[in-house]
């Protein structure tokens, strides 16, 4: 799951190395438009629908926070 998320992130912003970042938002790697693109990609990849209430920066600041979001929305590790 982690590698899939990193692949999706690199498709959105190939100029950044998300694997070495500790906070995608604070470090400026993702903006609000990128998060919306990522949600669309996650929905398609994992066949889920991320709840709109969950689309907040805290859920997209790291691979672990994204994994937690996916688990909350029904994806199994």
Protein backbone atom coordinates (compact mmCIF):
# COMPACT_ATOMS: atom_id res chain seq x y z
CA UNK A 1 0.00 0.00 0.00
CA UNK A 2 2.83 2.38 0.87
CA UNK A 3 4.50 1.95 -2.51
CA UNK A 4 1.21 2.45 -4.34
CA UNK A 5 0.67 5.73 -2.48
CA UNK A 6 4.21 6.88 -3.27
CA UNK A 7 3.64 6.03 -6.94
CA UNK A 8 0.41 8.04 -7.02
CA UNK A 9 2.14 10.98 -5.34
CA UNK A 10 4.99 10.88 -7.83
CA UNK A 11 2.51 10.91 -10.72
CA UNK A 12 0.99 14.11 -9.31
CA UNK A 13 4.26 15.85 -8.37
CA UNK A 14 7.19 14.00 -9.99
CA UNK A 15 9.65 16.72 -8.99
CA UNK A 16 9.49 15.77 -5.29
CA UNK A 17 10.77 12.76 -3.36
CA UNK A 18 7.88 11.97 -1.04
CA UNK A 19 9.72 9.01 0.50
CA UNK A 20 12.08 11.34 2.39
CA UNK A 21 9.52 13.93 3.47
CA UNK A 22 8.08 14.01 6.98
CA UNK A 23 5.24 16.44 6.24
CA UNK A 24 4.05 16.89 2.65
CA UNK A 25 1.93 19.94 3.49
CA UNK A 26 4.37 21.83 5.71
CA UNK A 27 7.22 21.22 3.27
CA UNK A 28 5.13 22.51 0.35
CA UNK A 29 5.08 19.26 -1.59
CA UNK A 30 1.27 19.19 -1.89
CA UNK A 31 -1.24 22.00 -2.22
CA UNK A 32 -5.04 21.86 -2.14
CA UNK A 33 -5.33 21.09 -5.85
CA UNK A 34 -2.80 18.25 -5.50
CA UNK A 35 -4.82 16.82 -2.60
CA UNK A 36 -7.97 16.76 -4.75
CA UNK A 37 -6.05 14.99 -7.52
CA UNK A 38 -4.71 12.52 -4.98
CA UNK A 39 -8.20 11.82 -3.61
CA UNK A 40 -9.40 11.06 -7.13
CA UNK A 41 -6.44 8.74 -7.69
CA UNK A 42 -6.92 7.00 -4.34
CA UNK A 43 -10.63 6.52 -5.03
CA UNK A 44 -9.86 4.90 -8.39
CA UNK A 45 -6.89 2.82 -7.22
CA UNK A 46 -8.49 1.45 -4.07
CA UNK A 47 -12.10 1.45 -5.32
CA UNK A 48 -13.35 3.60 -2.45
CA UNK A 49 -14.95 6.99 -2.00
CA UNK A 50 -13.12 9.23 0.46
CA UNK A 51 -15.66 11.16 2.52
CA UNK A 52 -15.57 14.89 1.87
CA UNK A 53 -15.25 15.54 5.59
CA UNK A 54 -11.95 13.63 5.50
CA UNK A 55 -10.38 15.88 2.87
CA UNK A 56 -8.34 17.96 5.29
CA UNK A 57 -4.58 18.62 5.20
CA UNK A 58 -3.91 16.51 8.30
CA UNK A 59 -4.99 13.38 6.40
CA UNK A 60 -2.48 14.02 3.61
CA UNK A 61 0.70 15.11 5.39
CA UNK A 62 2.47 11.73 5.22
CA UNK A 63 2.18 8.25 3.77
CA UNK A 64 1.10 6.99 7.19
CA UNK A 65 -1.69 9.56 7.47
CA UNK A 66 -2.90 8.61 3.98
CA UNK A 67 -2.84 4.92 4.94
CA UNK A 68 -4.89 5.72 8.05
CA UNK A 69 -7.38 7.59 5.87
CA UNK A 70 -7.65 4.63 3.50
CA UNK A 71 -8.18 2.19 6.37
CA UNK A 72 -10.88 4.48 7.79
CA UNK A 73 -12.58 4.36 4.39
CA UNK A 74 -12.56 0.57 4.20
CA UNK A 75 -9.26 -0.39 2.63
CA UNK A 76 -7.53 -3.29 4.35
CA UNK A 77 -3.79 -3.35 4.79
